[in-house]
C-alpha atoms as a PDB file:
ATOM      1  CA  MET A   1       0.000   0.000   0.000  1.00  0.00           C
ATOM      2  CA  PHE A   2       2.760   2.453   0.849  1.00  0.00           C
ATOM      3  CA  LYS A   3       5.080   1.469  -1.976  1.00  0.00           C
ATOM      4  CA  HIS A   4       5.447   4.984  -3.371  1.00  0.00           C
ATOM      5  CA  TYR A   5       5.265   6.976  -0.153  1.00  0.00           C
ATOM      6  CA  ILE A   6       7.894   8.618   1.990  1.00  0.00           C
ATOM      7  CA  GLN A   7       7.303   9.240   5.684  1.00  0.00           C
ATOM      8  CA  ILE A   8       9.345  11.797   7.595  1.00  0.00           C
ATOM      9  CA  ALA A   9       9.744  10.440  11.123  1.00  0.00           C
ATOM     10  CA  GLY A  10      10.951  12.041  14.332  1.00  0.00           C
ATOM     11  CA  VAL A  11       9.194  15.397  13.892  1.00  0.00           C
ATOM     12  CA  ILE A  12       9.703  17.227  17.177  1.00  0.00           C
ATOM     13  CA  ASP A  13       7.304  20.163  17.191  1.00  0.00           C
ATOM     14  CA  GLU A  14       4.458  21.994  15.477  1.00  0.00           C
ATOM     15  CA  ASP A  15       6.758  24.383  13.592  1.00  0.00           C
ATOM     16  CA  GLU A  16       8.679  21.504  12.039  1.00  0.00           C
ATOM     17  CA  ALA A  17       5.429  19.721  11.118  1.00  0.00           C
ATOM     18  CA  ARG A  18       4.045  22.833   9.427  1.00  0.00           C
ATOM     19  CA  LEU A  19       7.290  23.364   7.505  1.00  0.00           C
ATOM     20  CA  LEU A  20       7.195  19.791   6.217  1.00  0.00           C
ATOM     21  CA  MET A  21       3.531  20.111   5.209  1.00  0.00           C
ATOM     22  CA  GLU A  22       4.322  23.349   3.342  1.00  0.00           C
ATOM     23  CA  CYS A  23       6.986  21.387   1.436  1.00  0.00           C
ATOM     24  CA  GLY A  24       4.371  18.848   0.357  1.00  0.00           C
ATOM     25  CA  ILE A  25       5.088  16.085   2.860  1.00  0.00           C
ATOM     26  CA  LYS A  26       1.889  14.175   3.637  1.00  0.00           C
ATOM     27  CA  TYR A  27       3.109  11.499   6.039  1.00  0.00           C
ATOM     28  CA  ILE A  28       4.932  12.610   9.165  1.00  0.00           C
ATOM     29  CA  GLY A  29       5.764  10.692  12.316  1.00  0.00           C
ATOM     30  CA  PHE A  30       5.924  12.004  15.850  1.00  0.00           C
ATOM     31  CA  PRO A  31       7.908  10.158  18.550  1.00  0.00           C
ATOM     32  CA  LEU A  32       5.027   9.596  20.998  1.00  0.00           C
ATOM     33  CA  GLY A  33       5.116   7.531  24.136  1.00  0.00           C
ATOM     34  CA  LEU A  34       8.874   7.036  24.198  1.00  0.00           C
ATOM     35  CA  PRO A  35      10.620   6.867  27.572  1.00  0.00           C
ATOM     36  CA  VAL A  36      12.168  10.334  27.346  1.00  0.00           C
ATOM     37  CA  GLN A  37      12.248  13.014  29.994  1.00  0.00           C
ATOM     38  CA  ASN A  38      11.505  16.021  27.805  1.00  0.00           C
ATOM     39  CA  VAL A  39       8.304  15.633  25.807  1.00  0.00           C
ATOM     40  CA  ASP A  40       8.401  17.841  22.695  1.00  0.00           C
ATOM     41  CA  LEU A  41       4.855  17.242  21.508  1.00  0.00           C
ATOM     42  CA  SER A  42       1.864  15.670  23.254  1.00  0.00           C
ATOM     43  CA  GLU A  43      -0.144  12.884  21.636  1.00  0.00           C
ATOM     44  CA  TYR A  44      -3.036  15.338  21.301  1.00  0.00           C
ATOM     45  CA  GLU A  45      -0.870  17.909  19.513  1.00  0.00           C
ATOM     46  CA  GLY A  46       0.571  15.275  17.169  1.00  0.00           C
ATOM     47  CA  GLY A  47      -2.903  13.974  16.358  1.00  0.00           C
ATOM     48  CA  LYS A  48      -4.028  17.375  15.086  1.00  0.00           C
ATOM     49  CA  TYR A  49      -2.080  16.783  11.841  1.00  0.00           C
ATOM     50  CA  TYR A  50      -3.616  13.426  10.964  1.00  0.00           C
END
């Protein structure tokens, strides 16, 4: 299904997500639920771009 798609993973914040979308990127990945101390983007915030 995703043979001709590119996903950009590891997007850290809303500004970076918007920049990628302005460049035509349609599939972005946010690092959610990882065992890190500093959360860059909440699951709610990341879900706004789906």
